[in-house]
Amino acid sequence: MSGKKRPEDPSSQHREDGLEDRLHNTKFLLKQYRRIAYSVQVSENELNLRMEMEHGTKLSTFEANAELAGVDLTGTKLEGYTKSVIRSRKMLQIIQSALNTVRSDPDHGDLMYQVLFFTYFSPVKPRNREVILAELDKLSYPMSMVTYHSYLNMAVKAIDHILWGYTARDCKEIIEAFLS
């Protein structure tokens, strides 16, 4: 490690009982991001090939304006497949937008962004956590493995709130009491 100042360890400020339970779905989603992005890319490439062969247009042209593209997929095998690919691509855009929103956090935004990016979003999955720590160190964020995990938990919690909303996670008891 270099002689740079280490970021503060956030673990004492941000640990809560049940944090792992509350983040389970978001962590699972993030862990699957690279695989999902790859699958969507493969599906989109296959769909583009099929649309070009059958209709002489690409998905991007169709998506922008199906009427101008002169393509009506209603009732065809491609209709459901096209909707699925478009829906999946939009889901990836929502996740990417949430990652970019994390970066705007006034306290630790860029650090949380970098931790999330290298852990879940970089095009090539890092071999191990040490590779992630080395990349963070290059960006002037030297830290121990314990501090990394503390920031990772903080960042996952931040993206969790952005994706699923504050109310849905943190006010569950109030909502349940209101509904009963």
C-alpha atoms as a PDB file:
ATOM      1  CA  MET A   1       0.000   0.000   0.000  1.00  0.00           C
ATOM      2  CA  SER A   2       1.106   3.525  -0.649  1.00  0.00           C
ATOM      3  CA  GLY A   3       1.592   6.204   1.982  1.00  0.00           C
ATOM      4  CA  LYS A   4      -1.732   7.828   1.185  1.00  0.00           C
ATOM      5  CA  LYS A   5      -4.220   8.612   3.897  1.00  0.00           C
ATOM      6  CA  ARG A   6      -6.755   5.835   4.407  1.00  0.00           C
ATOM      7  CA  PRO A   7     -10.448   6.686   4.200  1.00  0.00           C
ATOM      8  CA  GLU A   8     -12.290   6.560   7.496  1.00  0.00           C
ATOM      9  CA  ASP A   9     -13.666   3.115   8.369  1.00  0.00           C
ATOM     10  CA  PRO A  10     -17.433   3.570   8.180  1.00  0.00           C
ATOM     11  CA  SER A  11     -18.242   0.280   9.926  1.00  0.00           C
ATOM     12  CA  SER A  12     -18.976   1.801  13.316  1.00  0.00           C
ATOM     13  CA  GLN A  13     -21.396   4.370  11.866  1.00  0.00           C
ATOM     14  CA  HIS A  14     -23.374   2.209   9.472  1.00  0.00           C
ATOM     15  CA  ARG A  15     -23.775  -1.246  10.965  1.00  0.00           C
ATOM     16  CA  GLU A  16     -27.330  -2.142  11.713  1.00  0.00           C
ATOM     17  CA  ASP A  17     -28.971  -5.349  12.879  1.00  0.00           C
ATOM     18  CA  GLY A  18     -30.325  -7.276   9.909  1.00  0.00           C
ATOM     19  CA  LEU A  19     -28.361  -5.301   7.316  1.00  0.00           C
ATOM     20  CA  GLU A  20     -27.487  -8.476   5.422  1.00  0.00           C
ATOM     21  CA  ASP A  21     -31.133  -9.567   5.299  1.00  0.00           C
ATOM     22  CA  ARG A  22     -32.288  -6.208   3.961  1.00  0.00           C
ATOM     23  CA  LEU A  23     -29.635  -6.187   1.246  1.00  0.00           C
ATOM     24  CA  HIS A  24     -29.928  -9.798   0.159  1.00  0.00           C
ATOM     25  CA  ASN A  25     -31.907  -9.177  -3.029  1.00  0.00           C
ATOM     26  CA  THR A  26     -29.868  -6.145  -4.038  1.00  0.00           C
ATOM     27  CA  LYS A  27     -26.589  -7.962  -3.443  1.00  0.00           C
ATOM     28  CA  PHE A  28     -27.851 -10.922  -5.458  1.00  0.00           C
ATOM     29  CA  LEU A  29     -28.882  -8.590  -8.279  1.00  0.00           C
ATOM     30  CA  LEU A  30     -25.490  -6.864  -8.252  1.00  0.00           C
ATOM     31  CA  LYS A  31     -23.638 -10.178  -8.189  1.00  0.00           C
ATOM     32  CA  GLN A  32     -25.566 -11.218 -11.302  1.00  0.00           C
ATOM     33  CA  TYR A  33     -25.098  -7.904 -13.170  1.00  0.00           C
ATOM     34  CA  ARG A  34     -22.190  -8.964 -15.420  1.00  0.00           C
ATOM     35  CA  ARG A  35     -23.913 -12.236 -16.354  1.00  0.00           C
ATOM     36  CA  ILE A  36     -27.218 -10.460 -17.047  1.00  0.00           C
ATOM     37  CA  ALA A  37     -25.511  -7.765 -19.131  1.00  0.00           C
ATOM     38  CA  TYR A  38     -23.739 -10.465 -21.152  1.00  0.00           C
ATOM     39  CA  SER A  39     -26.973 -12.406 -21.683  1.00  0.00           C
ATOM     40  CA  VAL A  40     -28.838  -9.298 -22.778  1.00  0.00           C
ATOM     41  CA  GLN A  41     -26.034  -8.457 -25.229  1.00  0.00           C
ATOM     42  CA  VAL A  42     -26.141 -11.968 -26.703  1.00  0.00           C
ATOM     43  CA  SER A  43     -29.951 -11.829 -26.949  1.00  0.00           C
ATOM     44  CA  GLU A  44     -29.849  -8.390 -28.536  1.00  0.00           C
ATOM     45  CA  ASN A  45     -27.260  -9.532 -31.104  1.00  0.00           C
ATOM     46  CA  GLU A  46     -29.356 -12.590 -31.957  1.00  0.00           C
ATOM     47  CA  LEU A  47     -32.512 -10.482 -32.203  1.00  0.00           C
ATOM     48  CA  ASN A  48     -30.765  -7.959 -34.467  1.00  0.00           C
ATOM     49  CA  LEU A  49     -29.648 -10.767 -36.752  1.00  0.00           C
ATOM     50  CA  ARG A  50     -33.140 -12.269 -36.900  1.00  0.00           C
ATOM     51  CA  MET A  51     -34.804  -8.874 -37.451  1.00  0.00           C
ATOM     52  CA  GLU A  52     -32.355  -7.992 -40.224  1.00  0.00           C
ATOM     53  CA  MET A  53     -32.930 -11.325 -41.920  1.00  0.00           C
ATOM     54  CA  GLU A  54     -36.723 -11.256 -41.595  1.00  0.00           C
ATOM     55  CA  HIS A  55     -37.515  -7.506 -41.708  1.00  0.00           C
ATOM     56  CA  GLY A  56     -34.407  -5.700 -42.925  1.00  0.00           C
ATOM     57  CA  THR A  57     -34.085  -3.553 -39.773  1.00  0.00           C
ATOM     58  CA  LYS A  58     -32.283  -3.556 -36.420  1.00  0.00           C
ATOM     59  CA  LEU A  59     -33.790  -3.474 -32.939  1.00  0.00           C
ATOM     60  CA  SER A  60     -32.570   0.101 -32.338  1.00  0.00           C
ATOM     61  CA  THR A  61     -34.455   1.310 -35.432  1.00  0.00           C
ATOM     62  CA  PHE A  62     -37.550  -0.668 -34.470  1.00  0.00           C
ATOM     63  CA  GLU A  63     -37.409   0.513 -30.864  1.00  0.00           C
ATOM     64  CA  ALA A  64     -37.050   4.171 -31.870  1.00  0.00           C
ATOM     65  CA  ASN A  65     -40.104   4.055 -34.114  1.00  0.00           C
ATOM     66  CA  ALA A  66     -41.690   0.785 -35.191  1.00  0.00           C
ATOM     67  CA  GLU A  67     -44.096   2.577 -37.522  1.00  0.00           C
ATOM     68  CA  LEU A  68     -41.330   4.365 -39.437  1.00  0.00           C
ATOM     69  CA  ALA A  69     -39.308   1.160 -39.554  1.00  0.00           C
ATOM     70  CA  GLY A  70     -42.292  -0.400 -41.320  1.00  0.00           C
ATOM     71  CA  VAL A  71     -42.287  -3.415 -39.048  1.00  0.00           C
ATOM     72  CA  ASP A  72     -45.304  -4.913 -37.313  1.00  0.00           C
ATOM     73  CA  LEU A  73     -44.336  -7.779 -35.038  1.00  0.00           C
ATOM     74  CA  THR A  74     -47.844  -8.302 -33.683  1.00  0.00           C
ATOM     75  CA  GLY A  75     -48.570 -12.003 -33.446  1.00  0.00           C
ATOM     76  CA  THR A  76     -45.063 -13.056 -34.535  1.00  0.00           C
ATOM     77  CA  LYS A  77     -42.519 -15.100 -32.608  1.00  0.00           C
ATOM     78  CA  LEU A  78     -40.285 -12.032 -32.490  1.00  0.00           C
ATOM     79  CA  GLU A  79     -42.889  -9.897 -30.690  1.00  0.00           C
ATOM     80  CA  GLY A  80     -42.403 -11.417 -27.228  1.00  0.00           C
ATOM     81  CA  TYR A  81     -38.663 -11.828 -27.711  1.00  0.00           C
ATOM     82  CA  THR A  82     -38.316  -8.175 -28.740  1.00  0.00           C
ATOM     83  CA  LYS A  83     -40.335  -6.970 -25.747  1.00  0.00           C
ATOM     84  CA  SER A  84     -38.239  -9.128 -23.428  1.00  0.00           C
ATOM     85  CA  VAL A  85     -34.929  -7.805 -24.796  1.00  0.00           C
ATOM     86  CA  ILE A  86     -36.138  -4.188 -24.583  1.00  0.00           C
ATOM     87  CA  ARG A  87     -37.404  -4.748 -21.013  1.00  0.00           C
ATOM     88  CA  SER A  88     -34.099  -6.362 -19.992  1.00  0.00           C
ATOM     89  CA  ARG A  89     -32.069  -3.536 -21.516  1.00  0.00           C
ATOM     90  CA  LYS A  90     -34.206  -0.990 -19.642  1.00  0.00           C
ATOM     91  CA  MET A  91     -33.626  -2.901 -16.408  1.00  0.00           C
ATOM     92  CA  LEU A  92     -29.855  -2.675 -16.965  1.00  0.00           C
ATOM     93  CA  GLN A  93     -30.201   1.061 -17.658  1.00  0.00           C
ATOM     94  CA  ILE A  94     -32.078   1.524 -14.370  1.00  0.00           C
ATOM     95  CA  ILE A  95     -29.327  -0.292 -12.462  1.00  0.00           C
ATOM     96  CA  GLN A  96     -26.622   1.739 -14.249  1.00  0.00           C
ATOM     97  CA  SER A  97     -28.507   4.948 -13.464  1.00  0.00           C
ATOM     98  CA  ALA A  98     -28.704   3.950  -9.789  1.00  0.00           C
ATOM     99  CA  LEU A  99     -24.930   3.369  -9.793  1.00  0.00           C
ATOM    100  CA  ASN A 100     -24.392   6.841 -11.249  1.00  0.00           C
ATOM    101  CA  THR A 101     -26.731   8.325  -8.632  1.00  0.00           C
ATOM    102  CA  VAL A 102     -24.650   6.739  -5.851  1.00  0.00           C
ATOM    103  CA  ARG A 103     -21.716   8.758  -7.164  1.00  0.00           C
ATOM    104  CA  SER A 104     -23.538  12.005  -6.353  1.00  0.00           C
ATOM    105  CA  ASP A 105     -23.703  11.241  -2.613  1.00  0.00           C
ATOM    106  CA  PRO A 106     -22.104  14.291  -0.943  1.00  0.00           C
ATOM    107  CA  ASP A 107     -20.189  12.326   1.699  1.00  0.00           C
ATOM    108  CA  HIS A 108     -18.664   9.255   0.049  1.00  0.00           C
ATOM    109  CA  GLY A 109     -20.242   9.179  -3.409  1.00  0.00           C
ATOM    110  CA  ASP A 110     -17.193   8.658  -5.589  1.00  0.00           C
ATOM    111  CA  LEU A 111     -15.691   6.121  -3.203  1.00  0.00           C
ATOM    112  CA  MET A 112     -18.938   4.114  -3.031  1.00  0.00           C
ATOM    113  CA  TYR A 113     -19.246   4.324  -6.831  1.00  0.00           C
ATOM    114  CA  GLN A 114     -15.708   2.988  -7.314  1.00  0.00           C
ATOM    115  CA  VAL A 115     -16.231   0.179  -4.780  1.00  0.00           C
ATOM    116  CA  LEU A 116     -19.452  -0.882  -6.529  1.00  0.00           C
ATOM    117  CA  PHE A 117     -17.957  -0.467 -10.000  1.00  0.00           C
ATOM    118  CA  PHE A 118     -14.896  -2.638  -9.395  1.00  0.00           C
ATOM    119  CA  THR A 119     -16.863  -5.196  -7.383  1.00  0.00           C
ATOM    120  CA  TYR A 120     -19.894  -5.646  -9.655  1.00  0.00           C
ATOM    121  CA  PHE A 121     -19.849  -3.478 -12.806  1.00  0.00           C
ATOM    122  CA  SER A 122     -16.382  -3.528 -14.380  1.00  0.00           C
ATOM    123  CA  PRO A 123     -16.424  -5.302 -17.755  1.00  0.00           C
ATOM    124  CA  VAL A 124     -14.062  -8.023 -16.515  1.00  0.00           C
ATOM    125  CA  LYS A 125     -14.692  -9.610 -13.126  1.00  0.00           C
ATOM    126  CA  PRO A 126     -11.673  -9.102 -10.832  1.00  0.00           C
ATOM    127  CA  ARG A 127      -9.852 -12.308  -9.903  1.00  0.00           C
ATOM    128  CA  ASN A 128     -10.122 -11.534  -6.185  1.00  0.00           C
ATOM    129  CA  ARG A 129     -10.661  -8.744  -3.651  1.00  0.00           C
ATOM    130  CA  GLU A 130      -6.954  -7.857  -3.640  1.00  0.00           C
ATOM    131  CA  VAL A 131      -7.275  -6.785  -7.288  1.00  0.00           C
ATOM    132  CA  ILE A 132     -10.164  -4.507  -6.302  1.00  0.00           C
ATOM    133  CA  LEU A 133      -8.112  -3.032  -3.445  1.00  0.00           C
ATOM    134  CA  ALA A 134      -5.210  -2.399  -5.835  1.00  0.00           C
ATOM    135  CA  GLU A 135      -7.523  -0.580  -8.281  1.00  0.00           C
ATOM    136  CA  LEU A 136      -8.975   1.517  -5.457  1.00  0.00           C
ATOM    137  CA  ASP A 137      -5.456   2.311  -4.266  1.00  0.00           C
ATOM    138  CA  LYS A 138      -4.586   3.585  -7.772  1.00  0.00           C
ATOM    139  CA  LEU A 139      -7.520   6.011  -7.428  1.00  0.00           C
ATOM    140  CA  SER A 140      -6.184   7.294  -4.072  1.00  0.00           C
ATOM    141  CA  TYR A 141      -8.517   5.136  -1.994  1.00  0.00           C
ATOM    142  CA  PRO A 142      -6.103   2.851  -0.107  1.00  0.00           C
ATOM    143  CA  MET A 143      -7.869   0.680   2.448  1.00  0.00           C
ATOM    144  CA  SER A 144      -7.788  -2.602   4.297  1.00  0.00           C
ATOM    145  CA  MET A 145     -10.044  -5.511   3.435  1.00  0.00           C
ATOM    146  CA  VAL A 146     -12.206  -4.751   6.489  1.00  0.00           C
ATOM    147  CA  THR A 147     -12.636  -1.119   5.439  1.00  0.00           C
ATOM    148  CA  TYR A 148     -13.404  -2.234   1.875  1.00  0.00           C
ATOM    149  CA  HIS A 149     -16.204  -4.488   3.119  1.00  0.00           C
ATOM    150  CA  SER A 150     -17.582  -1.683   5.280  1.00  0.00           C
ATOM    151  CA  TYR A 151     -17.706   0.652   2.287  1.00  0.00           C
ATOM    152  CA  LEU A 152     -19.142  -2.116   0.119  1.00  0.00           C
ATOM    153  CA  ASN A 153     -21.992  -2.617   2.609  1.00  0.00           C
ATOM    154  CA  MET A 154     -22.575   1.136   2.733  1.00  0.00           C
ATOM    155  CA  ALA A 155     -22.591   1.348  -1.068  1.00  0.00           C
ATOM    156  CA  VAL A 156     -24.961  -1.604  -1.447  1.00  0.00           C
ATOM    157  CA  LYS A 157     -27.293   0.003   1.075  1.00  0.00           C
ATOM    158  CA  ALA A 158     -27.153   3.270  -0.910  1.00  0.00           C
ATOM    159  CA  ILE A 159     -27.946   1.600  -4.237  1.00  0.00           C
ATOM    160  CA  ASP A 160     -30.619  -0.472  -2.486  1.00  0.00           C
ATOM    161  CA  HIS A 161     -32.382   2.727  -1.394  1.00  0.00           C
ATOM    162  CA  ILE A 162     -32.106   4.187  -4.874  1.00  0.00           C
ATOM    163  CA  LEU A 163     -33.449   1.076  -6.602  1.00  0.00           C
ATOM    164  CA  TRP A 164     -36.179   0.039  -4.202  1.00  0.00           C
ATOM    165  CA  GLY A 165     -36.972   3.250  -2.338  1.00  0.00           C
ATOM    166  CA  TYR A 166     -36.503   4.360   1.218  1.00  0.00           C
ATOM    167  CA  THR A 167     -40.084   3.787   2.325  1.00  0.00           C
ATOM    168  CA  ALA A 168     -40.300   0.216   1.162  1.00  0.00           C
ATOM    169  CA  ARG A 169     -37.269  -0.830   3.195  1.00  0.00           C
ATOM    170  CA  ASP A 170     -37.064   1.411   6.230  1.00  0.00           C
ATOM    171  CA  CYS A 171     -40.697   1.973   7.113  1.00  0.00           C
ATOM    172  CA  LYS A 172     -41.990  -1.575   6.789  1.00  0.00           C
ATOM    173  CA  GLU A 173     -43.535  -1.644  10.283  1.00  0.00           C
ATOM    174  CA  ILE A 174     -45.353   1.660   9.729  1.00  0.00           C
ATOM    175  CA  ILE A 175     -46.764   0.459   6.422  1.00  0.00           C
ATOM    176  CA  GLU A 176     -47.836  -2.879   7.907  1.00  0.00           C
ATOM    177  CA  ALA A 177     -49.514  -1.122  10.854  1.00  0.00           C
ATOM    178  CA  PHE A 178     -51.289   1.244   8.481  1.00  0.00           C
ATOM    179  CA  LEU A 179     -52.569  -1.617   6.320  1.00  0.00           C
ATOM    180  CA  SER A 180     -53.843  -3.719   9.221  1.00  0.00           C
END
